[in-house]
Amino acid sequence: MSFIVVGAAGVAVAATLGGMYMGGKGAQTQAEADRLKGLAGGVKEEQLGLLGDVRGQAITGAIGQANLGYDAAQSQFAGGQRDVSMGTQMGMRNIKAGGNIAMAQSGLATSGTIEQKTKTQTGDLMAKYKSDMTKLFETKELAGRQKDLAIGTSKEKADLAYRSGEMSAEEAYQNTLTGIESQPTGFLEGMFS
């Protein structure tokens, strides 16, 4: 896109130069040359402004996209955390209820064995809770790193595209200036060129 605008501006300046060259008996005034240089500079600045806008839009879009993915991961994390907590609470209630029922049915002679079994089940449940929560936190952390990477990569690509367009605009500007400066600026220069 940037190459088209710069190219179109270069063609317009070249057409003006050609018209001045042919219509001015081979010469342009210094004022005309200065005016054309100013127009070429204006085209370059406008092109750089457009490139900056495109760069900004690309970065903004990438940030928005990355944030959407991260927001989805945050939502999944919150849901997973709630599910793990609720499952652990239900498991604790079941262990306690099962222990109470077993104690009531067996009597005091076996209550130590039942308490040990309850402690073992509770330990296993808490280990599962810790494992599940660790997985959730790691998944959330990974989503954050992916978001940062996506934003960084998009910024780098947008910066590279901007620099490439900037170099093209500068090249077109310099070519235009060379064309303007190669034209004779006085009647006598025009006669002898």
C-alpha atoms as a PDB file:
ATOM      1  CA  MET A   1       0.000   0.000   0.000  1.00  0.00           C
ATOM      2  CA  SER A   2       2.747   2.426   0.910  1.00  0.00           C
ATOM      3  CA  PHE A   3       4.605   1.747  -2.306  1.00  0.00           C
ATOM      4  CA  ILE A   4       1.533   2.678  -4.353  1.00  0.00           C
ATOM      5  CA  VAL A   5       1.051   6.035  -2.627  1.00  0.00           C
ATOM      6  CA  VAL A   6       4.731   6.922  -2.859  1.00  0.00           C
ATOM      7  CA  GLY A   7       4.804   5.790  -6.486  1.00  0.00           C
ATOM      8  CA  ALA A   8       1.698   7.835  -7.317  1.00  0.00           C
ATOM      9  CA  ALA A   9       3.199  10.901  -5.686  1.00  0.00           C
ATOM     10  CA  GLY A  10       6.416  10.372  -7.610  1.00  0.00           C
ATOM     11  CA  VAL A  11       4.475  10.118 -10.873  1.00  0.00           C
ATOM     12  CA  ALA A  12       2.597  13.335 -10.068  1.00  0.00           C
ATOM     13  CA  VAL A  13       5.808  15.215  -9.335  1.00  0.00           C
ATOM     14  CA  ALA A  14       7.430  13.740 -12.460  1.00  0.00           C
ATOM     15  CA  ALA A  15       4.437  14.795 -14.566  1.00  0.00           C
ATOM     16  CA  THR A  16       4.700  18.308 -13.187  1.00  0.00           C
ATOM     17  CA  LEU A  17       8.407  18.317 -13.929  1.00  0.00           C
ATOM     18  CA  GLY A  18       7.823  17.063 -17.439  1.00  0.00           C
ATOM     19  CA  GLY A  19       5.182  19.696 -18.046  1.00  0.00           C
ATOM     20  CA  MET A  20       7.464  22.421 -16.806  1.00  0.00           C
ATOM     21  CA  TYR A  21      10.316  21.080 -18.881  1.00  0.00           C
ATOM     22  CA  MET A  22       8.330  20.887 -22.089  1.00  0.00           C
ATOM     23  CA  GLY A  23       6.234  24.000 -21.571  1.00  0.00           C
ATOM     24  CA  GLY A  24       9.001  26.142 -20.118  1.00  0.00           C
ATOM     25  CA  LYS A  25      11.290  25.807 -23.115  1.00  0.00           C
ATOM     26  CA  GLY A  26      13.537  23.430 -21.224  1.00  0.00           C
ATOM     27  CA  ALA A  27      13.819  25.468 -18.046  1.00  0.00           C
ATOM     28  CA  GLN A  28      12.132  25.803 -14.672  1.00  0.00           C
ATOM     29  CA  THR A  29      12.473  28.687 -12.294  1.00  0.00           C
ATOM     30  CA  GLN A  30      14.207  28.252  -8.955  1.00  0.00           C
ATOM     31  CA  ALA A  31      10.874  29.038  -7.285  1.00  0.00           C
ATOM     32  CA  GLU A  32       9.234  26.164  -9.201  1.00  0.00           C
ATOM     33  CA  ALA A  33      12.046  23.817  -8.219  1.00  0.00           C
ATOM     34  CA  ASP A  34      11.720  24.848  -4.572  1.00  0.00           C
ATOM     35  CA  ARG A  35       7.951  24.386  -4.709  1.00  0.00           C
ATOM     36  CA  LEU A  36       8.372  20.878  -6.155  1.00  0.00           C
ATOM     37  CA  LYS A  37      10.918  20.009  -3.457  1.00  0.00           C
ATOM     38  CA  GLY A  38       8.440  21.181  -0.831  1.00  0.00           C
ATOM     39  CA  LEU A  39       5.686  19.064  -2.391  1.00  0.00           C
ATOM     40  CA  ALA A  40       7.972  16.041  -2.458  1.00  0.00           C
ATOM     41  CA  GLY A  41       8.786  16.582   1.230  1.00  0.00           C
ATOM     42  CA  GLY A  42       5.073  16.867   2.017  1.00  0.00           C
ATOM     43  CA  VAL A  43       4.360  13.600   0.193  1.00  0.00           C
ATOM     44  CA  LYS A  44       7.130  11.894   2.174  1.00  0.00           C
ATOM     45  CA  GLU A  45       5.785  13.195   5.503  1.00  0.00           C
ATOM     46  CA  GLU A  46       2.247  12.128   4.605  1.00  0.00           C
ATOM     47  CA  GLN A  47       3.537   8.687   3.682  1.00  0.00           C
ATOM     48  CA  LEU A  48       5.362   8.361   7.006  1.00  0.00           C
ATOM     49  CA  GLY A  49       2.173   9.393   8.804  1.00  0.00           C
ATOM     50  CA  LEU A  50       0.190   6.695   6.996  1.00  0.00           C
ATOM     51  CA  LEU A  51       2.855   4.124   7.789  1.00  0.00           C
ATOM     52  CA  GLY A  52       2.705   5.129  11.447  1.00  0.00           C
ATOM     53  CA  ASP A  53      -1.075   4.742  11.450  1.00  0.00           C
ATOM     54  CA  VAL A  54      -0.875   1.279   9.879  1.00  0.00           C
ATOM     55  CA  ARG A  55       1.808   0.283  12.400  1.00  0.00           C
ATOM     56  CA  GLY A  56      -0.346   1.505  15.295  1.00  0.00           C
ATOM     57  CA  GLN A  57      -3.394  -0.352  14.036  1.00  0.00           C
ATOM     58  CA  ALA A  58      -1.410  -3.576  13.619  1.00  0.00           C
ATOM     59  CA  ILE A  59      -0.070  -3.362  17.156  1.00  0.00           C
ATOM     60  CA  THR A  60      -3.461  -2.460  18.627  1.00  0.00           C
ATOM     61  CA  GLY A  61      -5.082  -5.390  16.811  1.00  0.00           C
ATOM     62  CA  ALA A  62      -2.405  -7.795  18.000  1.00  0.00           C
ATOM     63  CA  ILE A  63      -2.745  -6.625  21.593  1.00  0.00           C
ATOM     64  CA  GLY A  64      -6.523  -7.006  21.407  1.00  0.00           C
ATOM     65  CA  GLN A  65      -6.233 -10.513  19.983  1.00  0.00           C
ATOM     66  CA  ALA A  66      -3.658 -11.554  22.586  1.00  0.00           C
ATOM     67  CA  ASN A  67      -5.796 -10.128  25.386  1.00  0.00           C
ATOM     68  CA  LEU A  68      -8.817 -12.092  24.165  1.00  0.00           C
ATOM     69  CA  GLY A  69      -6.842 -15.325  24.343  1.00  0.00           C
ATOM     70  CA  TYR A  70      -5.517 -14.450  27.771  1.00  0.00           C
ATOM     71  CA  ASP A  71      -8.992 -13.498  29.017  1.00  0.00           C
ATOM     72  CA  ALA A  72     -10.258 -16.907  27.890  1.00  0.00           C
ATOM     73  CA  ALA A  73      -7.408 -18.563  29.797  1.00  0.00           C
ATOM     74  CA  GLN A  74      -8.256 -16.470  32.889  1.00  0.00           C
ATOM     75  CA  SER A  75     -11.870 -17.574  32.659  1.00  0.00           C
ATOM     76  CA  GLN A  76     -10.855 -21.223  32.320  1.00  0.00           C
ATOM     77  CA  PHE A  77      -8.519 -20.823  35.291  1.00  0.00           C
ATOM     78  CA  ALA A  78     -11.278 -19.375  37.469  1.00  0.00           C
ATOM     79  CA  GLY A  79     -13.682 -22.154  36.465  1.00  0.00           C
ATOM     80  CA  GLY A  80     -11.067 -24.841  37.011  1.00  0.00           C
ATOM     81  CA  GLN A  81     -10.134 -23.404  40.403  1.00  0.00           C
ATOM     82  CA  ARG A  82     -13.771 -23.392  41.454  1.00  0.00           C
ATOM     83  CA  ASP A  83     -14.269 -26.982  40.237  1.00  0.00           C
ATOM     84  CA  VAL A  84     -11.151 -28.272  42.008  1.00  0.00           C
ATOM     85  CA  SER A  85     -12.123 -26.522  45.254  1.00  0.00           C
ATOM     86  CA  MET A  86     -15.670 -27.829  45.149  1.00  0.00           C
ATOM     87  CA  GLY A  87     -14.484 -31.357  44.348  1.00  0.00           C
ATOM     88  CA  THR A  88     -12.007 -31.244  47.227  1.00  0.00           C
ATOM     89  CA  GLN A  89     -14.659 -30.004  49.655  1.00  0.00           C
ATOM     90  CA  MET A  90     -17.036 -32.777  48.589  1.00  0.00           C
ATOM     91  CA  GLY A  91     -14.269 -35.337  48.913  1.00  0.00           C
ATOM     92  CA  MET A  92     -13.474 -34.101  52.453  1.00  0.00           C
ATOM     93  CA  ARG A  93     -17.130 -34.394  53.430  1.00  0.00           C
ATOM     94  CA  ASN A  94     -17.328 -37.917  52.001  1.00  0.00           C
ATOM     95  CA  ILE A  95     -14.166 -39.010  53.828  1.00  0.00           C
ATOM     96  CA  LYS A  96     -15.442 -37.582  57.124  1.00  0.00           C
ATOM     97  CA  ALA A  97     -18.903 -39.107  56.672  1.00  0.00           C
ATOM     98  CA  GLY A  98     -17.422 -42.494  55.730  1.00  0.00           C
ATOM     99  CA  GLY A  99     -15.145 -42.415  58.781  1.00  0.00           C
ATOM    100  CA  ASN A 100     -18.026 -41.529  61.102  1.00  0.00           C
ATOM    101  CA  ILE A 101     -20.184 -44.328  59.708  1.00  0.00           C
ATOM    102  CA  ALA A 102     -17.358 -46.860  59.993  1.00  0.00           C
ATOM    103  CA  MET A 103     -16.644 -45.827  63.614  1.00  0.00           C
ATOM    104  CA  ALA A 104     -20.291 -46.081  64.543  1.00  0.00           C
ATOM    105  CA  GLN A 105     -20.589 -49.555  63.055  1.00  0.00           C
ATOM    106  CA  SER A 106     -17.321 -51.007  64.356  1.00  0.00           C
ATOM    107  CA  GLY A 107     -17.005 -49.739  67.914  1.00  0.00           C
ATOM    108  CA  LEU A 108     -13.966 -48.449  69.745  1.00  0.00           C
ATOM    109  CA  ALA A 109     -11.666 -51.396  69.068  1.00  0.00           C
ATOM    110  CA  THR A 110     -11.042 -50.491  65.447  1.00  0.00           C
ATOM    111  CA  SER A 111     -11.327 -46.694  65.651  1.00  0.00           C
ATOM    112  CA  GLY A 112      -7.531 -46.209  65.354  1.00  0.00           C
ATOM    113  CA  THR A 113      -7.521 -48.097  62.040  1.00  0.00           C
ATOM    114  CA  ILE A 114     -10.445 -46.022  60.788  1.00  0.00           C
ATOM    115  CA  GLU A 115      -8.742 -42.774  61.822  1.00  0.00           C
ATOM    116  CA  GLN A 116      -5.555 -43.845  60.014  1.00  0.00           C
ATOM    117  CA  LYS A 117      -7.553 -44.683  56.893  1.00  0.00           C
ATOM    118  CA  THR A 118      -9.311 -41.296  57.098  1.00  0.00           C
ATOM    119  CA  LYS A 119      -5.955 -39.498  57.429  1.00  0.00           C
ATOM    120  CA  THR A 120      -4.572 -41.407  54.448  1.00  0.00           C
ATOM    121  CA  GLN A 121      -7.597 -40.589  52.298  1.00  0.00           C
ATOM    122  CA  THR A 122      -7.417 -36.925  53.362  1.00  0.00           C
ATOM    123  CA  GLY A 123      -3.693 -36.810  52.509  1.00  0.00           C
ATOM    124  CA  ASP A 124      -4.355 -38.346  49.087  1.00  0.00           C
ATOM    125  CA  LEU A 125      -7.159 -35.880  48.440  1.00  0.00           C
ATOM    126  CA  MET A 126      -5.002 -32.897  49.445  1.00  0.00           C
ATOM    127  CA  ALA A 127      -2.149 -34.147  47.211  1.00  0.00           C
ATOM    128  CA  LYS A 128      -4.594 -34.329  44.294  1.00  0.00           C
ATOM    129  CA  TYR A 129      -5.843 -30.823  45.133  1.00  0.00           C
ATOM    130  CA  LYS A 130      -2.285 -29.482  45.139  1.00  0.00           C
ATOM    131  CA  SER A 131      -1.468 -31.216  41.845  1.00  0.00           C
ATOM    132  CA  ASP A 132      -4.624 -29.934  40.156  1.00  0.00           C
ATOM    133  CA  MET A 133      -4.046 -26.373  41.389  1.00  0.00           C
ATOM    134  CA  THR A 134      -0.406 -26.467  40.245  1.00  0.00           C
ATOM    135  CA  LYS A 135      -1.546 -27.506  36.768  1.00  0.00           C
ATOM    136  CA  LEU A 136      -4.065 -24.655  36.695  1.00  0.00           C
ATOM    137  CA  PHE A 137      -1.472 -22.076  37.745  1.00  0.00           C
ATOM    138  CA  GLU A 138       1.052 -23.383  35.214  1.00  0.00           C
ATOM    139  CA  THR A 139      -1.553 -23.227  32.449  1.00  0.00           C
ATOM    140  CA  LYS A 140      -2.427 -19.661  33.419  1.00  0.00           C
ATOM    141  CA  GLU A 141       1.270 -18.705  33.489  1.00  0.00           C
ATOM    142  CA  LEU A 142       1.786 -20.276  30.057  1.00  0.00           C
ATOM    143  CA  ALA A 143      -1.137 -18.272  28.666  1.00  0.00           C
ATOM    144  CA  GLY A 144       0.473 -15.091  30.025  1.00  0.00           C
ATOM    145  CA  ARG A 145       3.798 -15.914  28.381  1.00  0.00           C
ATOM    146  CA  GLN A 146       2.045 -16.706  25.089  1.00  0.00           C
ATOM    147  CA  LYS A 147       0.242 -13.368  25.270  1.00  0.00           C
ATOM    148  CA  ASP A 148       3.497 -11.482  25.854  1.00  0.00           C
ATOM    149  CA  LEU A 149       5.199 -13.371  23.039  1.00  0.00           C
ATOM    150  CA  ALA A 150       2.350 -12.688  20.610  1.00  0.00           C
ATOM    151  CA  ILE A 151       2.379  -8.978  21.427  1.00  0.00           C
ATOM    152  CA  GLY A 152       6.168  -8.763  21.160  1.00  0.00           C
ATOM    153  CA  THR A 153       6.235 -10.593  17.827  1.00  0.00           C
ATOM    154  CA  SER A 154       3.463  -8.402  16.426  1.00  0.00           C
ATOM    155  CA  LYS A 155       5.271  -5.248  17.512  1.00  0.00           C
ATOM    156  CA  GLU A 156       8.474  -6.454  15.871  1.00  0.00           C
ATOM    157  CA  LYS A 157       6.653  -7.235  12.619  1.00  0.00           C
ATOM    158  CA  ALA A 158       4.886  -3.864  12.647  1.00  0.00           C
ATOM    159  CA  ASP A 159       8.169  -2.064  13.334  1.00  0.00           C
ATOM    160  CA  LEU A 160       9.887  -3.935  10.513  1.00  0.00           C
ATOM    161  CA  ALA A 161       7.079  -3.086   8.075  1.00  0.00           C
ATOM    162  CA  TYR A 162       7.264   0.559   9.159  1.00  0.00           C
ATOM    163  CA  ARG A 163      11.040   0.718   8.670  1.00  0.00           C
ATOM    164  CA  SER A 164      10.731  -0.913   5.260  1.00  0.00           C
ATOM    165  CA  GLY A 165       8.062   1.578   4.217  1.00  0.00           C
ATOM    166  CA  GLU A 166      10.119   4.421   5.668  1.00  0.00           C
ATOM    167  CA  MET A 167      13.107   3.403   3.557  1.00  0.00           C
ATOM    168  CA  SER A 168      10.911   3.201   0.440  1.00  0.00           C
ATOM    169  CA  ALA A 169       9.465   6.639   1.129  1.00  0.00           C
ATOM    170  CA  GLU A 170      12.955   8.071   1.630  1.00  0.00           C
ATOM    171  CA  GLU A 171      14.179   6.459  -1.592  1.00  0.00           C
ATOM    172  CA  ALA A 172      11.227   7.858  -3.554  1.00  0.00           C
ATOM    173  CA  TYR A 173      11.818  11.278  -1.994  1.00  0.00           C
ATOM    174  CA  GLN A 174      15.511  11.239  -2.889  1.00  0.00           C
ATOM    175  CA  ASN A 175      14.728  10.119  -6.444  1.00  0.00           C
ATOM    176  CA  THR A 176      12.229  12.951  -6.784  1.00  0.00           C
ATOM    177  CA  LEU A 177      14.752  15.476  -5.481  1.00  0.00           C
ATOM    178  CA  THR A 178      17.340  14.168  -7.931  1.00  0.00           C
ATOM    179  CA  GLY A 179      14.825  14.594 -10.756  1.00  0.00           C
ATOM    180  CA  ILE A 180      13.999  18.127  -9.683  1.00  0.00           C
ATOM    181  CA  GLU A 181      17.619  19.113  -9.286  1.00  0.00           C
ATOM    182  CA  SER A 182      18.559  17.646 -12.667  1.00  0.00           C
ATOM    183  CA  GLN A 183      16.204  20.070 -14.422  1.00  0.00           C
ATOM    184  CA  PRO A 184      17.684  23.389 -15.589  1.00  0.00           C
ATOM    185  CA  THR A 185      16.535  26.312 -13.423  1.00  0.00           C
ATOM    186  CA  GLY A 186      17.063  29.205 -15.768  1.00  0.00           C
ATOM    187  CA  PHE A 187      16.526  30.154 -19.378  1.00  0.00           C
ATOM    188  CA  LEU A 188      20.218  30.018 -20.189  1.00  0.00           C
ATOM    189  CA  GLU A 189      20.663  26.657 -18.438  1.00  0.00           C
ATOM    190  CA  GLY A 190      17.724  25.339 -20.416  1.00  0.00           C
ATOM    191  CA  MET A 191      19.171  26.555 -23.690  1.00  0.00           C
ATOM    192  CA  PHE A 192      22.487  24.792 -23.168  1.00  0.00           C
ATOM    193  CA  SER A 193      21.336  21.545 -21.645  1.00  0.00           C
END
